[in-house]
Amino acid sequence: MRWDVIEVRAEPGWRLFVRFADGLTDYFTGVFEPLREPEVFARVYMDHGAVAWPGDVDLAPDAMYEAIRHA
């Protein structure tokens, strides 16, 4: 799907660089309380087109896509 994340990278300031399947790229901000530790935040990875962290923490890729597209 167009909002499948194909690249994600943790950046300073709890920002994520994300690239979606259709080529849309940008930085996404927003943090969950468990991710406030820099070492935990930096462990971001992709899980079947979604952005995720260990411990079953993830972001809905469709909501991320729409937030970035309309920013």
C-alpha atoms as a PDB file:
ATOM      1  CA  MET A   1       0.000   0.000   0.000  1.00  0.00           C
ATOM      2  CA  ARG A   2       1.142   3.553  -0.576  1.00  0.00           C
ATOM      3  CA  TRP A   3       1.498   4.186   3.153  1.00  0.00           C
ATOM      4  CA  ASP A   4       3.699   1.163   3.814  1.00  0.00           C
ATOM      5  CA  VAL A   5       6.915   2.420   5.373  1.00  0.00           C
ATOM      6  CA  ILE A   6       9.945   1.250   3.411  1.00  0.00           C
ATOM      7  CA  GLU A   7      12.596   3.178   5.364  1.00  0.00           C
ATOM      8  CA  VAL A   8      12.714   4.545   8.909  1.00  0.00           C
ATOM      9  CA  ARG A   9      15.524   6.153  10.853  1.00  0.00           C
ATOM     10  CA  ALA A  10      15.592   7.606  14.380  1.00  0.00           C
ATOM     11  CA  GLU A  11      16.842  11.207  14.448  1.00  0.00           C
ATOM     12  CA  PRO A  12      17.735  13.578  17.313  1.00  0.00           C
ATOM     13  CA  GLY A  13      14.839  15.221  19.116  1.00  0.00           C
ATOM     14  CA  TRP A  14      12.646  12.111  18.946  1.00  0.00           C
ATOM     15  CA  ARG A  15      12.001  12.599  15.228  1.00  0.00           C
ATOM     16  CA  LEU A  16      11.684   9.823  12.689  1.00  0.00           C
ATOM     17  CA  PHE A  17      12.749  10.093   9.075  1.00  0.00           C
ATOM     18  CA  VAL A  18      10.249   7.978   7.129  1.00  0.00           C
ATOM     19  CA  ARG A  19       9.949   6.982   3.473  1.00  0.00           C
ATOM     20  CA  PHE A  20       6.685   5.526   2.245  1.00  0.00           C
ATOM     21  CA  ALA A  21       6.156   3.109  -0.640  1.00  0.00           C
ATOM     22  CA  ASP A  22       4.879   5.867  -2.952  1.00  0.00           C
ATOM     23  CA  GLY A  23       8.021   7.975  -2.380  1.00  0.00           C
ATOM     24  CA  LEU A  24       6.624  10.444   0.178  1.00  0.00           C
ATOM     25  CA  THR A  25       9.385  11.291   2.669  1.00  0.00           C
ATOM     26  CA  ASP A  26       9.481  13.561   5.679  1.00  0.00           C
ATOM     27  CA  TYR A  27      10.164  13.734   9.382  1.00  0.00           C
ATOM     28  CA  PHE A  28       7.507  12.569  11.809  1.00  0.00           C
ATOM     29  CA  THR A  29       7.370  13.731  15.409  1.00  0.00           C
ATOM     30  CA  GLY A  30       5.426  12.392  18.314  1.00  0.00           C
ATOM     31  CA  VAL A  31       6.613  10.128  21.063  1.00  0.00           C
ATOM     32  CA  PHE A  32       5.121   7.568  23.347  1.00  0.00           C
ATOM     33  CA  GLU A  33       6.163   7.724  26.997  1.00  0.00           C
ATOM     34  CA  PRO A  34       8.127   4.426  26.848  1.00  0.00           C
ATOM     35  CA  LEU A  35      10.203   5.862  23.987  1.00  0.00           C
ATOM     36  CA  ARG A  36      11.543   8.882  25.879  1.00  0.00           C
ATOM     37  CA  GLU A  37      14.755   7.004  26.583  1.00  0.00           C
ATOM     38  CA  PRO A  38      17.105   7.736  23.653  1.00  0.00           C
ATOM     39  CA  GLU A  39      18.422   4.169  23.590  1.00  0.00           C
ATOM     40  CA  VAL A  40      14.901   2.756  23.272  1.00  0.00           C
ATOM     41  CA  PHE A  41      13.812   5.325  20.661  1.00  0.00           C
ATOM     42  CA  ALA A  42      16.863   4.511  18.533  1.00  0.00           C
ATOM     43  CA  ARG A  43      15.770   0.858  18.282  1.00  0.00           C
ATOM     44  CA  VAL A  44      13.072   1.746  15.725  1.00  0.00           C
ATOM     45  CA  TYR A  45      12.515  -0.765  12.912  1.00  0.00           C
ATOM     46  CA  MET A  46       9.997  -1.637  10.203  1.00  0.00           C
ATOM     47  CA  ASP A  47       7.471  -4.418  10.784  1.00  0.00           C
ATOM     48  CA  HIS A  48       5.371  -5.343   7.753  1.00  0.00           C
ATOM     49  CA  GLY A  49       5.186  -1.755   6.523  1.00  0.00           C
ATOM     50  CA  ALA A  50       4.708  -0.166   9.955  1.00  0.00           C
ATOM     51  CA  VAL A  51       7.129   1.672  12.241  1.00  0.00           C
ATOM     52  CA  ALA A  52       7.727  -0.310  15.423  1.00  0.00           C
ATOM     53  CA  TRP A  53       9.849  -0.697  18.538  1.00  0.00           C
ATOM     54  CA  PRO A  54      10.501  -3.680  20.766  1.00  0.00           C
ATOM     55  CA  GLY A  55       7.749  -4.298  23.299  1.00  0.00           C
ATOM     56  CA  ASP A  56       4.804  -4.212  20.874  1.00  0.00           C
ATOM     57  CA  VAL A  57       4.934  -0.428  20.388  1.00  0.00           C
ATOM     58  CA  ASP A  58       4.058   0.703  16.870  1.00  0.00           C
ATOM     59  CA  LEU A  59       2.600   3.547  14.818  1.00  0.00           C
ATOM     60  CA  ALA A  60      -0.248   3.166  12.351  1.00  0.00           C
ATOM     61  CA  PRO A  61       1.344   3.830   8.949  1.00  0.00           C
ATOM     62  CA  ASP A  62      -1.852   5.184   7.390  1.00  0.00           C
ATOM     63  CA  ALA A  63      -2.214   7.812  10.140  1.00  0.00           C
ATOM     64  CA  MET A  64       1.471   8.753   9.843  1.00  0.00           C
ATOM     65  CA  TYR A  65       1.114   9.069   6.085  1.00  0.00           C
ATOM     66  CA  GLU A  66      -1.896  11.369   6.311  1.00  0.00           C
ATOM     67  CA  ALA A  67      -0.260  13.532   9.020  1.00  0.00           C
ATOM     68  CA  ILE A  68       2.863  13.995   6.898  1.00  0.00           C
ATOM     69  CA  ARG A  69       0.978  14.497   3.641  1.00  0.00           C
ATOM     70  CA  HIS A  70      -1.171  17.254   5.135  1.00  0.00           C
ATOM     71  CA  ALA A  71       1.596  18.960   7.086  1.00  0.00           C
END
